[in-house]
Amino acid sequence: MQSLNVSSRLAIAAGVLLLAACGGGAAPAQTSTSGAPTSPEQLAAYQGADRQQLLEAGARKEGTLTWYTTLAGPIVDSLANDFKGKYPYVKVDIYRADESAILTRATQEAQAGKSVFDVVEITPTASLLLAEGKLVTPFYSASAAKLPDNVKAPAANGLIASAADRVSYISFGYNTKLVRADAVPKTVDDLMNPALSGKLTLAGTSTGYRWLGAVLHSMGEDKGKKWLSDFASKQKPAVQQVSGKAVLDLVAKGEVPASPTIFLDHVDQAKEAGQPTEWVPLDPVVANTGTVSFDAKAPHPNAGLLYLDYLLGDGQQLLKKEHYFPATEKVPFNVWVPEQGKTAEQAEKQDKDWADLFKADFR
């Protein structure tokens, strides 16, 4: 999942917050004499016993929905087609792009007074920006009850502001032919093992920054910063200005022995292909999440809410089949989601601080 650079985020954040100051994307709540939900926000909050029937009837009339997503590859069409198999009367229009392009597009559309997407799947920080700009609204989904608390943002009255549909876990991956079994770490401190000196590589991108953040989170700022400085001088890790997936490819080829900035799902795919790789969790394991939200002015609210239910429900099995970790799947290690409980501004500052410290320690 591609992350925004700091300048891009600041520019987009300014536009989103200006939009919020001018009234945001949310429309005034509508009411009806029958008490039935009539606006996208009311539909999103509706929890009546007839919710499923109401949404299906509305979706038949709408006939389509629009999904903005940072997902890439065959899984995008696989999810849309699987949903269509369940609701054959709903077409899924897809806009697939990175975080920056989706945020820019959604903001520009809202500034122009039009809403295009119904459901957006994006990073947690970007989701926070959309929420603070009032472009998305809290929603109800029975499927969300199965999600761990650390991958959903609660709202009032049993609603959620956003929720993860998929999770990627970053920790220690290694080539089993190049790292002895007795040198494989069990804790972050074990990365100081002299047997690993000169054998470690870090992804010099957001994946590496988030790993650094997990060290600080685990040890505390002062102890963590000292540990990172000692780690840099004693273990002399190489830095590759590539993604975590690209580092794993080097590990699998035997060009790099090991790295603490490796995604579990990438290792699983490599193992399935017969490559000599393995992964171990060094608590706390930092998590990247794909986070879904609902447009405050969704043009196809019924179909959109059905799709949210699908992504957090039946779609979880398809994500697992396609080598993604569904958010509902329990894992036997401690997970840390850095954005949990933070505002967009706090998450942005956190990312910048980690990037600055990483570049200072690991040149």
Protein backbone atom coordinates (compact mmCIF):
# COMPACT_ATOMS: atom_id res chain seq x y z
CA MET A 1 0.00 0.00 0.00
CA GLN A 2 1.68 3.19 -1.11
CA SER A 3 1.97 6.00 1.42
CA LEU A 4 1.87 9.71 0.81
CA ASN A 5 4.97 11.81 1.26
CA VAL A 6 4.74 14.53 3.89
CA SER A 7 4.30 17.47 1.51
CA SER A 8 1.52 15.71 -0.42
CA ARG A 9 -0.29 14.86 2.80
CA LEU A 10 -0.07 18.40 4.12
CA ALA A 11 -1.46 19.83 0.88
CA ILE A 12 -4.35 17.39 0.79
CA ALA A 13 -5.02 17.79 4.51
CA ALA A 14 -5.29 21.56 4.03
CA GLY A 15 -7.86 21.06 1.29
CA VAL A 16 -9.87 18.56 3.32
CA LEU A 17 -9.93 20.73 6.44
CA LEU A 18 -10.90 23.80 4.39
CA LEU A 19 -13.76 21.74 3.02
CA ALA A 20 -14.82 20.85 6.57
CA ALA A 21 -14.76 24.52 7.57
CA CYS A 22 -17.07 25.31 4.67
CA GLY A 23 -19.60 22.68 5.65
CA GLY A 24 -17.89 19.49 4.51
CA GLY A 25 -19.42 16.75 2.48
CA ALA A 26 -22.26 15.81 4.78
CA ALA A 27 -25.80 16.81 3.90
CA PRO A 28 -28.38 17.78 6.51
CA ALA A 29 -30.23 14.78 7.85
CA GLN A 30 -33.54 14.15 6.17
CA THR A 31 -36.63 12.76 7.82
CA SER A 32 -39.79 11.17 6.62
CA THR A 33 -43.23 11.00 8.18
CA SER A 34 -43.03 7.18 8.23
CA GLY A 35 -39.73 7.19 10.13
CA ALA A 36 -38.00 5.27 7.34
CA PRO A 37 -34.41 6.29 6.56
CA THR A 38 -34.22 8.56 3.54
CA SER A 39 -30.73 10.09 3.48
CA PRO A 40 -27.40 8.26 3.09
CA GLU A 41 -26.53 9.14 6.70
CA GLN A 42 -29.82 7.75 8.00
CA LEU A 43 -29.43 4.58 5.95
CA ALA A 44 -25.88 4.18 7.22
CA ALA A 45 -27.12 4.37 10.83
CA TYR A 46 -30.21 2.19 10.36
CA GLN A 47 -30.29 -0.99 12.47
CA GLY A 48 -33.90 -2.09 12.09
CA ALA A 49 -34.88 -5.74 11.67
CA ASP A 50 -35.79 -5.06 8.04
CA ARG A 51 -32.40 -3.51 7.20
CA GLN A 52 -31.30 -6.26 4.78
CA GLN A 53 -34.60 -6.23 2.89
CA LEU A 54 -34.61 -2.44 2.76
CA LEU A 55 -31.07 -2.28 1.40
CA GLU A 56 -31.67 -4.98 -1.20
CA ALA A 57 -34.82 -3.26 -2.44
CA GLY A 58 -32.98 0.04 -2.70
CA ALA A 59 -29.97 -1.54 -4.40
CA ARG A 60 -32.20 -3.08 -7.07
CA LYS A 61 -33.38 0.41 -7.98
CA GLU A 62 -29.86 1.88 -7.90
CA GLY A 63 -28.33 -0.93 -9.95
CA THR A 64 -24.74 0.17 -9.33
CA LEU A 65 -22.19 1.39 -6.79
CA THR A 66 -18.77 3.04 -6.98
CA TRP A 67 -15.80 1.76 -5.03
CA TYR A 68 -12.53 3.69 -4.60
CA THR A 69 -9.70 1.40 -3.46
CA THR A 70 -5.95 1.20 -2.94
CA LEU A 71 -6.07 -2.57 -3.48
CA ALA A 72 -4.17 -3.75 -6.54
CA GLY A 73 -4.07 -6.82 -8.75
CA PRO A 74 -6.63 -9.55 -9.49
CA ILE A 75 -8.22 -9.32 -6.03
CA VAL A 76 -9.97 -6.07 -7.03
CA ASP A 77 -12.05 -7.67 -9.78
CA SER A 78 -12.39 -10.90 -7.78
CA LEU A 79 -14.13 -9.09 -4.93
CA ALA A 80 -16.38 -7.11 -7.28
CA ASN A 81 -17.35 -10.22 -9.23
CA ASP A 82 -17.97 -12.26 -6.10
CA PHE A 83 -20.24 -9.53 -4.76
CA LYS A 84 -22.08 -9.42 -8.07
CA GLY A 85 -22.59 -13.18 -7.80
CA LYS A 86 -24.49 -12.52 -4.57
CA TYR A 87 -26.28 -9.41 -5.88
CA PRO A 88 -26.43 -9.85 -9.68
CA TYR A 89 -28.50 -6.69 -10.09
CA VAL A 90 -25.67 -4.44 -8.81
CA LYS A 91 -22.73 -3.37 -10.98
CA VAL A 92 -19.52 -2.36 -9.18
CA ASP A 93 -17.67 0.56 -10.76
CA ILE A 94 -14.06 0.68 -9.57
CA TYR A 95 -11.49 3.44 -9.29
CA ARG A 96 -8.16 1.89 -8.30
CA ALA A 97 -5.34 4.27 -7.35
CA ASP A 98 -2.84 5.05 -4.62
CA GLU A 99 -3.71 6.93 -1.45
CA SER A 100 -2.72 10.34 -2.81
CA ALA A 101 -4.80 10.07 -5.98
CA ILE A 102 -7.89 8.86 -4.12
CA LEU A 103 -7.71 11.60 -1.50
CA THR A 104 -7.18 14.27 -4.15
CA ARG A 105 -10.04 13.00 -6.30
CA ALA A 106 -12.50 12.68 -3.41
CA THR A 107 -11.63 16.15 -2.12
CA GLN A 108 -11.94 17.78 -5.52
CA GLU A 109 -15.29 16.09 -6.14
CA ALA A 110 -16.62 17.32 -2.79
CA GLN A 111 -15.38 20.85 -3.46
CA ALA A 112 -17.23 20.73 -6.78
CA GLY A 113 -20.41 19.77 -4.94
CA LYS A 114 -20.68 16.23 -6.29
CA SER A 115 -20.26 12.83 -4.71
CA VAL A 116 -19.13 9.92 -6.85
CA PHE A 117 -17.91 7.13 -4.59
CA ASP A 118 -20.07 5.12 -2.22
CA VAL A 119 -17.37 3.06 -0.51
CA VAL A 120 -13.69 3.91 -0.13
CA GLU A 121 -10.93 1.51 0.95
CA ILE A 122 -7.75 3.37 1.91
CA THR A 123 -5.10 3.72 4.63
CA PRO A 124 -6.17 4.65 8.19
CA THR A 125 -4.57 8.11 8.05
CA ALA A 126 -6.32 8.92 4.78
CA SER A 127 -9.57 7.65 6.27
CA LEU A 128 -9.09 10.00 9.23
CA LEU A 129 -8.60 12.91 6.83
CA LEU A 130 -11.83 12.06 4.99
CA ALA A 131 -13.69 11.81 8.30
CA GLU A 132 -12.35 15.14 9.55
CA GLY A 133 -13.39 16.71 6.25
CA LYS A 134 -16.89 15.23 6.75
CA LEU A 135 -16.69 13.37 3.43
CA VAL A 136 -17.55 10.08 5.12
CA THR A 137 -20.09 9.21 7.79
CA PRO A 138 -20.35 6.52 10.50
CA PHE A 139 -22.17 3.36 9.49
CA TYR A 140 -23.62 0.18 10.94
CA SER A 141 -22.60 -3.29 9.81
CA ALA A 142 -23.35 -6.49 11.68
CA SER A 143 -20.18 -7.95 10.15
CA ALA A 144 -18.08 -5.41 12.05
CA ALA A 145 -18.95 -7.15 15.34
CA LYS A 146 -16.46 -9.89 14.39
CA LEU A 147 -13.59 -7.44 13.99
CA PRO A 148 -10.99 -6.88 16.74
CA ASP A 149 -11.37 -3.52 18.47
CA ASN A 150 -7.93 -2.32 17.29
CA VAL A 151 -8.95 -2.37 13.61
CA LYS A 152 -12.16 -0.36 13.82
CA ALA A 153 -12.94 3.19 14.87
CA PRO A 154 -16.05 3.32 17.06
CA ALA A 155 -18.69 6.02 16.75
CA ALA A 156 -21.85 6.77 18.72
CA ASN A 157 -24.96 4.56 18.89
CA GLY A 158 -23.28 1.30 17.88
CA LEU A 159 -21.88 2.72 14.64
CA ILE A 160 -18.31 2.67 13.35
CA ALA A 161 -16.49 5.52 11.63
CA SER A 162 -14.31 3.09 9.67
CA ALA A 163 -13.12 -0.50 9.82
CA ALA A 164 -10.32 -2.61 8.39
CA ASP A 165 -11.16 -5.27 5.85
CA ARG A 166 -7.55 -6.51 5.52
CA VAL A 167 -4.36 -6.40 7.55
CA SER A 168 -0.68 -6.80 6.65
CA TYR A 169 1.81 -7.69 9.38
CA ILE A 170 5.41 -6.44 9.41
CA SER A 171 8.14 -8.31 11.27
CA PHE A 172 11.20 -10.55 10.82
CA GLY A 173 11.58 -12.51 7.59
CA TYR A 174 14.64 -14.55 6.67
CA ASN A 175 16.21 -17.00 4.24
CA THR A 176 16.35 -20.39 5.99
CA LYS A 177 19.57 -21.29 4.14
CA LEU A 178 21.40 -18.15 5.26
CA VAL A 179 20.30 -17.71 8.88
CA ARG A 180 20.99 -20.44 11.42
CA ALA A 181 18.05 -21.64 13.49
CA ASP A 182 19.77 -20.58 16.73
CA ALA A 183 20.21 -17.05 15.37
CA VAL A 184 16.54 -16.50 14.58
CA PRO A 185 15.28 -13.80 17.00
CA LYS A 186 12.37 -14.27 19.34
CA THR A 187 12.25 -10.65 20.54
CA VAL A 188 13.28 -7.26 19.16
CA ASP A 189 16.31 -7.27 21.50
CA ASP A 190 17.46 -10.51 19.84
CA LEU A 191 18.15 -8.51 16.68
CA MET A 192 21.35 -7.48 18.51
CA ASN A 193 22.64 -11.08 18.26
CA PRO A 194 26.23 -10.89 16.89
CA ALA A 195 25.34 -13.77 14.56
CA LEU A 196 23.07 -11.31 12.69
CA SER A 197 25.65 -8.55 12.37
CA GLY A 198 26.01 -7.47 8.75
CA LYS A 199 23.19 -9.78 7.67
CA LEU A 200 20.20 -7.48 8.12
CA THR A 201 18.53 -5.15 5.65
CA LEU A 202 15.85 -2.53 6.23
CA ALA A 203 13.29 -1.20 3.77
CA GLY A 204 14.05 2.53 3.55
CA THR A 205 10.40 3.37 2.92
CA SER A 206 7.28 3.70 5.08
CA THR A 207 7.59 -0.02 5.93
CA GLY A 208 10.93 0.66 7.61
CA TYR A 209 9.60 3.78 9.32
CA ARG A 210 6.68 1.85 10.80
CA TRP A 211 9.02 -0.89 12.07
CA LEU A 212 11.03 1.83 13.80
CA GLY A 213 7.77 3.14 15.28
CA ALA A 214 7.02 -0.30 16.70
CA VAL A 215 10.43 -0.34 18.43
CA LEU A 216 9.69 3.04 20.05
CA HIS A 217 6.20 1.91 21.00
CA SER A 218 7.54 -1.24 22.63
CA MET A 219 10.51 0.25 24.49
CA GLY A 220 9.41 3.83 25.04
CA GLU A 221 10.85 6.89 23.31
CA ASP A 222 14.12 7.30 25.23
CA LYS A 223 15.10 3.64 25.50
CA GLY A 224 13.89 2.95 21.97
CA LYS A 225 15.93 5.77 20.44
CA LYS A 226 19.08 4.57 22.23
CA TRP A 227 18.42 1.00 21.13
CA LEU A 228 17.99 2.08 17.51
CA SER A 229 21.23 4.05 17.61
CA ASP A 230 23.09 1.07 19.09
CA PHE A 231 21.47 -1.27 16.56
CA ALA A 232 22.64 0.93 13.69
CA SER A 233 26.24 1.09 14.93
CA LYS A 234 26.63 -2.54 16.06
CA GLN A 235 24.59 -4.50 13.50
CA LYS A 236 25.20 -2.16 10.55
CA PRO A 237 21.97 -3.00 8.70
CA ALA A 238 21.88 -2.19 5.00
CA VAL A 239 19.09 0.08 3.76
CA GLN A 240 17.31 -0.60 0.49
CA GLN A 241 15.15 2.22 -0.87
CA VAL A 242 12.46 -0.25 -1.92
CA SER A 243 9.21 -1.68 -0.57
CA GLY A 244 8.98 -4.46 1.97
CA LYS A 245 7.90 -6.80 -0.84
CA ALA A 246 11.03 -5.96 -2.83
CA VAL A 247 13.20 -6.68 0.23
CA LEU A 248 11.47 -10.04 0.64
CA ASP A 249 12.24 -10.82 -3.02
CA LEU A 250 15.94 -10.23 -2.24
CA VAL A 251 15.68 -12.49 0.81
CA ALA A 252 14.03 -15.24 -1.24
CA LYS A 253 16.78 -15.03 -3.88
CA GLY A 254 19.49 -15.28 -1.23
CA GLU A 255 20.85 -11.80 -1.93
CA VAL A 256 19.81 -10.63 1.55
CA PRO A 257 19.79 -12.99 4.56
CA ALA A 258 17.12 -11.33 6.69
CA SER A 259 15.09 -8.22 7.53
CA PRO A 260 12.72 -7.10 10.30
CA THR A 261 10.72 -5.14 7.69
CA ILE A 262 9.01 -8.07 5.95
CA PHE A 263 5.29 -8.72 5.45
CA LEU A 264 3.91 -12.08 6.58
CA ASP A 265 1.65 -12.50 3.54
CA HIS A 266 4.60 -12.03 1.17
CA VAL A 267 6.54 -14.74 3.01
CA ASP A 268 3.56 -17.10 2.81
CA GLN A 269 3.38 -16.56 -0.95
CA ALA A 270 7.13 -17.18 -1.30
CA LYS A 271 6.92 -20.39 0.73
CA GLU A 272 4.04 -21.58 -1.40
CA ALA A 273 6.28 -21.04 -4.44
CA GLY A 274 8.97 -23.23 -2.85
CA GLN A 275 11.34 -20.43 -1.81
CA PRO A 276 13.39 -20.87 1.42
CA THR A 277 11.77 -18.16 3.51
CA GLU A 278 10.28 -17.98 6.97
CA TRP A 279 8.73 -15.29 9.20
CA VAL A 280 8.59 -14.82 12.96
CA PRO A 281 6.65 -12.20 14.92
CA LEU A 282 8.65 -9.88 17.15
CA ASP A 283 6.05 -8.33 19.44
CA PRO A 284 4.50 -5.91 19.00
CA VAL A 285 3.93 -6.63 15.32
CA VAL A 286 3.08 -3.43 13.46
CA ALA A 287 0.06 -3.67 11.19
CA ASN A 288 -0.89 -1.94 7.96
CA THR A 289 -4.63 -1.96 7.39
CA GLY A 290 -6.90 -1.35 4.45
CA THR A 291 -9.74 0.70 5.96
CA VAL A 292 -13.25 1.04 4.57
CA SER A 293 -15.54 4.05 4.97
CA PHE A 294 -18.94 5.18 3.65
CA ASP A 295 -19.55 8.39 1.70
CA ALA A 296 -21.64 10.92 3.63
CA LYS A 297 -23.47 11.74 0.36
CA ALA A 298 -23.29 8.31 -1.25
CA PRO A 299 -25.14 8.40 -4.59
CA HIS A 300 -25.97 4.69 -4.24
CA PRO A 301 -26.28 4.29 -0.47
CA ASN A 302 -28.19 1.00 -0.41
CA ALA A 303 -25.81 -0.80 -2.74
CA GLY A 304 -22.85 0.82 -1.01
CA LEU A 305 -23.90 -0.43 2.42
CA LEU A 306 -24.43 -3.92 1.03
CA TYR A 307 -20.89 -3.79 -0.33
CA LEU A 308 -19.50 -2.68 3.04
CA ASP A 309 -21.30 -5.62 4.66
CA TYR A 310 -19.77 -7.90 2.02
CA LEU A 311 -16.19 -6.61 2.43
CA LEU A 312 -16.37 -7.08 6.20
CA GLY A 313 -18.28 -10.37 5.92
CA ASP A 314 -18.30 -12.88 3.06
CA GLY A 315 -15.46 -11.08 1.27
CA GLN A 316 -13.09 -11.97 4.10
CA GLN A 317 -12.79 -15.56 2.87
CA LEU A 318 -11.96 -14.42 -0.65
CA LEU A 319 -9.28 -12.08 0.69
CA LYS A 320 -7.76 -15.02 2.58
CA LYS A 321 -7.88 -17.22 -0.50
CA GLU A 322 -5.98 -14.54 -2.44
CA HIS A 323 -3.20 -14.39 0.23
CA TYR A 324 -4.46 -11.35 2.11
CA PHE A 325 -5.01 -11.50 5.84
CA PRO A 326 -8.67 -10.73 6.52
CA ALA A 327 -9.23 -8.41 9.44
CA THR A 328 -11.48 -10.98 11.13
CA GLU A 329 -8.73 -13.62 11.34
CA LYS A 330 -7.16 -14.03 14.76
CA VAL A 331 -3.36 -14.18 14.95
CA PRO A 332 -1.16 -15.63 17.73
CA PHE A 333 0.87 -12.49 18.38
CA ASN A 334 0.38 -8.96 19.66
CA VAL A 335 -0.68 -6.50 16.98
CA TRP A 336 -0.17 -2.74 17.03
CA VAL A 337 -2.05 -0.40 14.69
CA PRO A 338 -0.16 2.94 14.93
CA GLU A 339 -3.12 5.11 13.89
CA GLN A 340 -5.54 3.73 16.48
CA GLY A 341 -7.02 6.47 18.66
CA LYS A 342 -5.21 9.29 16.85
CA THR A 343 -6.35 12.27 14.83
CA ALA A 344 -5.10 12.73 11.29
CA GLU A 345 -2.75 15.49 12.48
CA GLN A 346 -1.29 13.25 15.17
CA ALA A 347 -0.84 10.37 12.73
CA GLU A 348 0.85 12.69 10.22
CA LYS A 349 3.27 14.02 12.83
CA GLN A 350 4.02 10.50 14.00
CA ASP A 351 4.89 9.41 10.45
CA LYS A 352 7.15 12.42 9.91
CA ASP A 353 8.97 11.91 13.20
CA TRP A 354 9.63 8.26 12.37
CA ALA A 355 10.86 9.10 8.88
CA ASP A 356 13.23 11.75 10.23
CA LEU A 357 14.63 9.45 12.91
CA PHE A 358 15.04 6.56 10.48
CA LYS A 359 17.00 8.73 8.05
CA ALA A 360 19.18 10.04 10.88
CA ASP A 361 20.02 6.57 12.25
CA PHE A 362 20.17 4.53 9.05
CA ARG A 363 22.00 6.43 6.31
